[in-house]
């Protein structure tokens, strides 16, 4: 199997740590209001966001993604699309996030090139090692806890996270300067709140993907800032 040398791209690795908001766009989402706060996320320490628009009509999708990506990138954020490999270049997005079984990681890497950020959701260490070897920039382990915004997903828990972390450290190709442990960054997803950051940090996470803890908070920027400060505090203690 080909090992893609994505670890030689410092501009990619520099954003693959810390709090990683997912902006969930539904048909009823007010895009203007979403952009009003999300374009200020860089001011509270966010560097990377994901745009998820699973239920948007395909005819409206290209224009919507183009608008959202361009506004977010213009505000200083790196932007990942959930699933839509074909729209990454059209919108100017920085990469794509894929379900492990949705689209081959190696094929996305071949299409998008070495500089694209490609994330892959994984449920166990076998999938994690395979995605890493195929050229994923980071792996997203989950769901760690039951997710209120993405119900029905398998829950791997903290034990599943620790097992993935252990095998990544022992068996994956090193990527110095990327994740906290010199290997592919492990992102966690699923039901993460401020109170749970310490547990996932201690379990081996380098990144924390959140939807509800930021997007559905009363004050999104305040919530994002609190998560960033808590994560930075945990980093300083290690």
Protein backbone atom coordinates (compact mmCIF):
# COMPACT_ATOMS: atom_id res chain seq x y z
CA UNK A 1 0.00 0.00 0.00
CA UNK A 2 1.27 3.48 -0.86
CA UNK A 3 2.06 5.74 2.09
CA UNK A 4 1.29 9.32 1.13
CA UNK A 5 3.85 11.77 2.50
CA UNK A 6 1.36 14.37 3.64
CA UNK A 7 3.41 14.92 6.80
CA UNK A 8 5.79 17.23 4.92
CA UNK A 9 3.23 20.05 4.68
CA UNK A 10 3.63 22.39 7.70
CA UNK A 11 0.75 24.65 6.63
CA UNK A 12 -1.57 21.66 7.03
CA UNK A 13 -0.25 20.34 10.32
CA UNK A 14 -0.39 23.79 11.94
CA UNK A 15 -4.21 23.81 12.00
CA UNK A 16 -4.76 20.19 13.02
CA UNK A 17 -5.00 20.69 16.75
CA UNK A 18 -7.39 22.08 19.33
CA UNK A 19 -11.09 22.88 18.98
CA UNK A 20 -12.62 22.12 15.58
CA UNK A 21 -16.20 23.43 15.12
CA UNK A 22 -18.56 21.73 12.68
CA UNK A 23 -21.10 24.10 11.16
CA UNK A 24 -24.23 22.07 10.57
CA UNK A 25 -26.35 23.61 7.80
CA UNK A 26 -29.96 22.45 7.47
CA UNK A 27 -32.57 23.60 4.92
CA UNK A 28 -34.02 25.90 7.58
CA UNK A 29 -30.65 27.37 8.66
CA UNK A 30 -30.39 31.16 8.45
CA UNK A 31 -27.06 31.45 6.57
CA UNK A 32 -26.67 35.15 7.33
CA UNK A 33 -26.95 34.52 11.08
CA UNK A 34 -24.62 31.52 10.86
CA UNK A 35 -21.96 33.59 9.11
CA UNK A 36 -22.49 36.51 11.47
CA UNK A 37 -20.89 34.61 14.34
CA UNK A 38 -18.84 31.94 12.58
CA UNK A 39 -16.80 34.52 10.64
CA UNK A 40 -15.49 35.73 14.02
CA UNK A 41 -14.31 32.32 15.25
CA UNK A 42 -10.68 33.12 14.43
CA UNK A 43 -10.85 35.94 16.99
CA UNK A 44 -11.35 33.41 19.81
CA UNK A 45 -8.60 31.04 18.68
CA UNK A 46 -10.32 28.73 16.17
CA UNK A 47 -8.29 27.93 13.05
CA UNK A 48 -10.20 25.13 11.31
CA UNK A 49 -13.92 24.59 10.73
CA UNK A 50 -15.96 21.99 8.90
CA UNK A 51 -19.06 22.77 6.84
CA UNK A 52 -21.68 20.01 6.94
CA UNK A 53 -24.70 20.35 4.64
CA UNK A 54 -26.10 16.84 4.31
CA UNK A 55 -29.74 17.75 3.68
CA UNK A 56 -29.36 20.69 1.33
CA UNK A 57 -30.93 20.30 -2.12
CA UNK A 58 -28.26 19.39 -4.67
CA UNK A 59 -29.27 22.21 -6.99
CA UNK A 60 -28.74 24.79 -4.25
CA UNK A 61 -25.64 23.17 -2.76
CA UNK A 62 -22.85 24.56 -5.02
CA UNK A 63 -23.89 28.19 -4.56
CA UNK A 64 -24.42 27.77 -0.82
CA UNK A 65 -21.06 26.10 -0.26
CA UNK A 66 -19.30 28.68 -2.40
CA UNK A 67 -20.79 31.52 -0.36
CA UNK A 68 -20.07 29.95 3.03
CA UNK A 69 -16.55 28.77 2.23
CA UNK A 70 -15.49 32.09 0.74
CA UNK A 71 -16.79 34.09 3.70
CA UNK A 72 -15.15 31.77 6.23
CA UNK A 73 -11.81 31.62 4.44
CA UNK A 74 -11.90 35.38 4.06
CA UNK A 75 -12.19 35.67 7.83
CA UNK A 76 -8.93 33.75 8.33
CA UNK A 77 -10.23 30.22 8.86
CA UNK A 78 -9.26 27.01 7.10
CA UNK A 79 -12.41 25.26 5.85
CA UNK A 80 -13.20 21.58 5.35
CA UNK A 81 -16.26 20.27 3.52
CA UNK A 82 -18.08 17.25 4.86
CA UNK A 83 -18.31 14.59 2.11
CA UNK A 84 -18.27 16.69 -1.07
CA UNK A 85 -14.91 15.94 -2.71
CA UNK A 86 -16.22 17.34 -6.00
CA UNK A 87 -16.83 20.80 -4.50
CA UNK A 88 -13.48 21.30 -2.75
CA UNK A 89 -11.72 22.89 -5.70
CA UNK A 90 -14.83 24.63 -6.98
CA UNK A 91 -15.32 26.47 -3.69
CA UNK A 92 -11.67 26.92 -2.74
CA UNK A 93 -12.09 24.83 0.43
CA UNK A 94 -8.97 23.48 2.12
CA UNK A 95 -10.08 19.86 2.09
CA UNK A 96 -12.74 17.31 2.87
CA UNK A 97 -13.93 15.08 5.69
CA UNK A 98 -15.10 11.59 4.73
CA UNK A 99 -16.80 8.68 6.39
CA UNK A 100 -14.52 5.65 6.31
CA UNK A 101 -16.84 3.74 3.98
CA UNK A 102 -18.19 6.74 2.03
CA UNK A 103 -15.29 7.48 -0.32
CA UNK A 104 -11.79 5.97 -0.66
CA UNK A 105 -9.24 8.12 1.15
CA UNK A 106 -6.49 7.33 -1.37
CA UNK A 107 -8.77 8.41 -4.22
CA UNK A 108 -9.60 11.71 -2.54
CA UNK A 109 -5.88 12.27 -1.97
CA UNK A 110 -5.11 11.54 -5.62
CA UNK A 111 -7.80 13.98 -6.76
CA UNK A 112 -7.13 16.80 -4.32
CA UNK A 113 -3.35 16.59 -4.09
CA UNK A 114 -0.80 16.64 -1.30
CA UNK A 115 -1.75 19.99 0.17
CA UNK A 116 -5.42 19.17 0.82
CA UNK A 117 -6.60 18.39 4.34
CA UNK A 118 -8.41 15.06 4.33
CA UNK A 119 -10.10 13.73 7.45
CA UNK A 120 -11.62 10.30 7.96
CA UNK A 121 -14.13 9.13 10.55
CA UNK A 122 -13.09 5.79 12.08
CA UNK A 123 -14.64 3.46 14.64
CA UNK A 124 -11.66 1.27 15.57
CA UNK A 125 -7.89 1.05 15.31
CA UNK A 126 -7.95 -1.06 12.14
CA UNK A 127 -9.85 1.65 10.27
CA UNK A 128 -7.59 4.29 11.82
CA UNK A 129 -4.39 2.63 10.63
CA UNK A 130 -5.84 2.02 7.18
CA UNK A 131 -7.00 5.63 6.77
CA UNK A 132 -3.62 6.91 7.92
CA UNK A 133 -1.81 4.72 5.43
CA UNK A 134 -4.08 5.84 2.61
CA UNK A 135 -3.19 9.49 3.12
CA UNK A 136 -5.61 10.93 5.68
CA UNK A 137 -4.37 14.15 7.29
CA UNK A 138 -6.22 13.32 10.51
CA UNK A 139 -8.56 10.65 11.79
CA UNK A 140 -11.79 11.37 13.67
CA UNK A 141 -12.57 8.73 16.30
CA UNK A 142 -16.12 8.40 17.46
CA UNK A 143 -18.67 8.68 18.53
CA UNK A 144 -16.99 9.05 21.93
CA UNK A 145 -20.24 9.86 23.70
CA UNK A 146 -23.85 9.71 22.45
CA UNK A 147 -24.36 12.67 20.13
CA UNK A 148 -27.50 14.81 20.50
CA UNK A 149 -27.08 16.17 16.95
CA UNK A 150 -26.15 12.93 15.15
CA UNK A 151 -28.23 10.27 16.85
CA UNK A 152 -27.82 6.56 16.26
CA UNK A 153 -24.06 6.54 15.76
CA UNK A 154 -22.07 3.69 17.34
CA UNK A 155 -20.45 4.83 20.60
CA UNK A 156 -16.83 3.68 21.02
CA UNK A 157 -16.30 5.46 24.33
CA UNK A 158 -13.04 6.49 25.95
CA UNK A 159 -11.79 2.91 25.85
CA UNK A 160 -12.16 2.90 22.06
CA UNK A 161 -10.25 6.19 21.86
CA UNK A 162 -7.42 4.86 24.03
CA UNK A 163 -7.14 1.73 21.92
CA UNK A 164 -6.94 3.76 18.70
CA UNK A 165 -4.33 6.03 20.24
CA UNK A 166 -2.25 3.06 21.42
CA UNK A 167 -2.17 1.40 18.00
CA UNK A 168 -1.51 4.68 16.16
CA UNK A 169 1.51 5.30 18.40
CA UNK A 170 2.83 1.79 18.01
CA UNK A 171 2.03 0.98 14.38
CA UNK A 172 1.54 4.08 12.23
CA UNK A 173 4.16 6.00 10.28
CA UNK A 174 5.50 8.87 12.44
CA UNK A 175 4.55 12.43 11.49
CA UNK A 176 6.79 14.67 13.62
CA UNK A 177 5.26 18.04 14.35
CA UNK A 178 1.68 16.99 13.62
CA UNK A 179 -0.30 15.58 16.52
CA UNK A 180 0.61 15.78 20.19
CA UNK A 181 2.41 12.46 19.99
CA UNK A 182 4.31 12.79 16.71
CA UNK A 183 1.82 10.72 14.69
CA UNK A 184 -1.33 11.43 12.70
CA UNK A 185 -3.60 13.70 14.78
CA UNK A 186 -6.55 11.99 16.42
CA UNK A 187 -9.72 14.06 16.42
CA UNK A 188 -12.60 13.07 18.68
CA UNK A 189 -16.24 13.59 17.87
CA UNK A 190 -19.61 12.90 19.45
CA UNK A 191 -21.17 14.56 22.48
CA UNK A 192 -18.07 16.52 23.52
CA UNK A 193 -18.64 19.34 26.01
CA UNK A 194 -16.29 21.53 28.02
CA UNK A 195 -16.64 19.18 31.01
CA UNK A 196 -15.45 16.23 28.91
CA UNK A 197 -12.37 17.86 27.38
CA UNK A 198 -9.98 16.56 30.04
CA UNK A 199 -11.03 12.95 29.52
CA UNK A 200 -10.57 13.03 25.73
CA UNK A 201 -7.33 14.98 26.08
CA UNK A 202 -5.95 12.37 28.47
CA UNK A 203 -7.21 9.64 26.11
CA UNK A 204 -4.95 10.81 23.30
CA UNK A 205 -6.92 13.38 21.31
CA UNK A 206 -5.17 16.19 19.44
CA UNK A 207 -8.37 17.75 18.06
CA UNK A 208 -11.94 18.03 19.30
CA UNK A 209 -14.80 18.32 16.80
CA UNK A 210 -17.96 19.90 18.20
CA UNK A 211 -21.35 20.82 16.79
CA UNK A 212 -23.86 21.45 19.56
CA UNK A 213 -21.41 22.78 22.16
CA UNK A 214 -20.79 25.80 19.93
CA UNK A 215 -23.48 26.15 17.24
CA UNK A 216 -26.44 25.62 19.56
CA UNK A 217 -25.02 27.56 22.49
CA UNK A 218 -26.72 30.80 23.54
CA UNK A 219 -23.56 32.74 22.66
CA UNK A 220 -21.55 30.79 20.09
CA UNK A 221 -18.36 32.87 20.25
CA UNK A 222 -18.32 32.85 24.03
CA UNK A 223 -18.80 29.06 24.05
CA UNK A 224 -16.04 28.58 21.46
CA UNK A 225 -13.68 30.79 23.43
CA UNK A 226 -14.32 28.83 26.63
CA UNK A 227 -13.56 25.55 24.88
CA UNK A 228 -10.35 26.97 23.37
CA UNK A 229 -9.14 28.29 26.73
CA UNK A 230 -9.92 25.01 28.49
CA UNK A 231 -8.04 23.01 25.86
CA UNK A 232 -5.05 25.35 26.01
CA UNK A 233 -5.04 24.97 29.79
CA UNK A 234 -4.94 21.19 29.45
CA UNK A 235 -2.09 21.46 26.93
CA UNK A 236 -0.05 23.59 29.31
CA UNK A 237 -0.41 21.05 32.12
CA UNK A 238 1.00 18.10 30.20
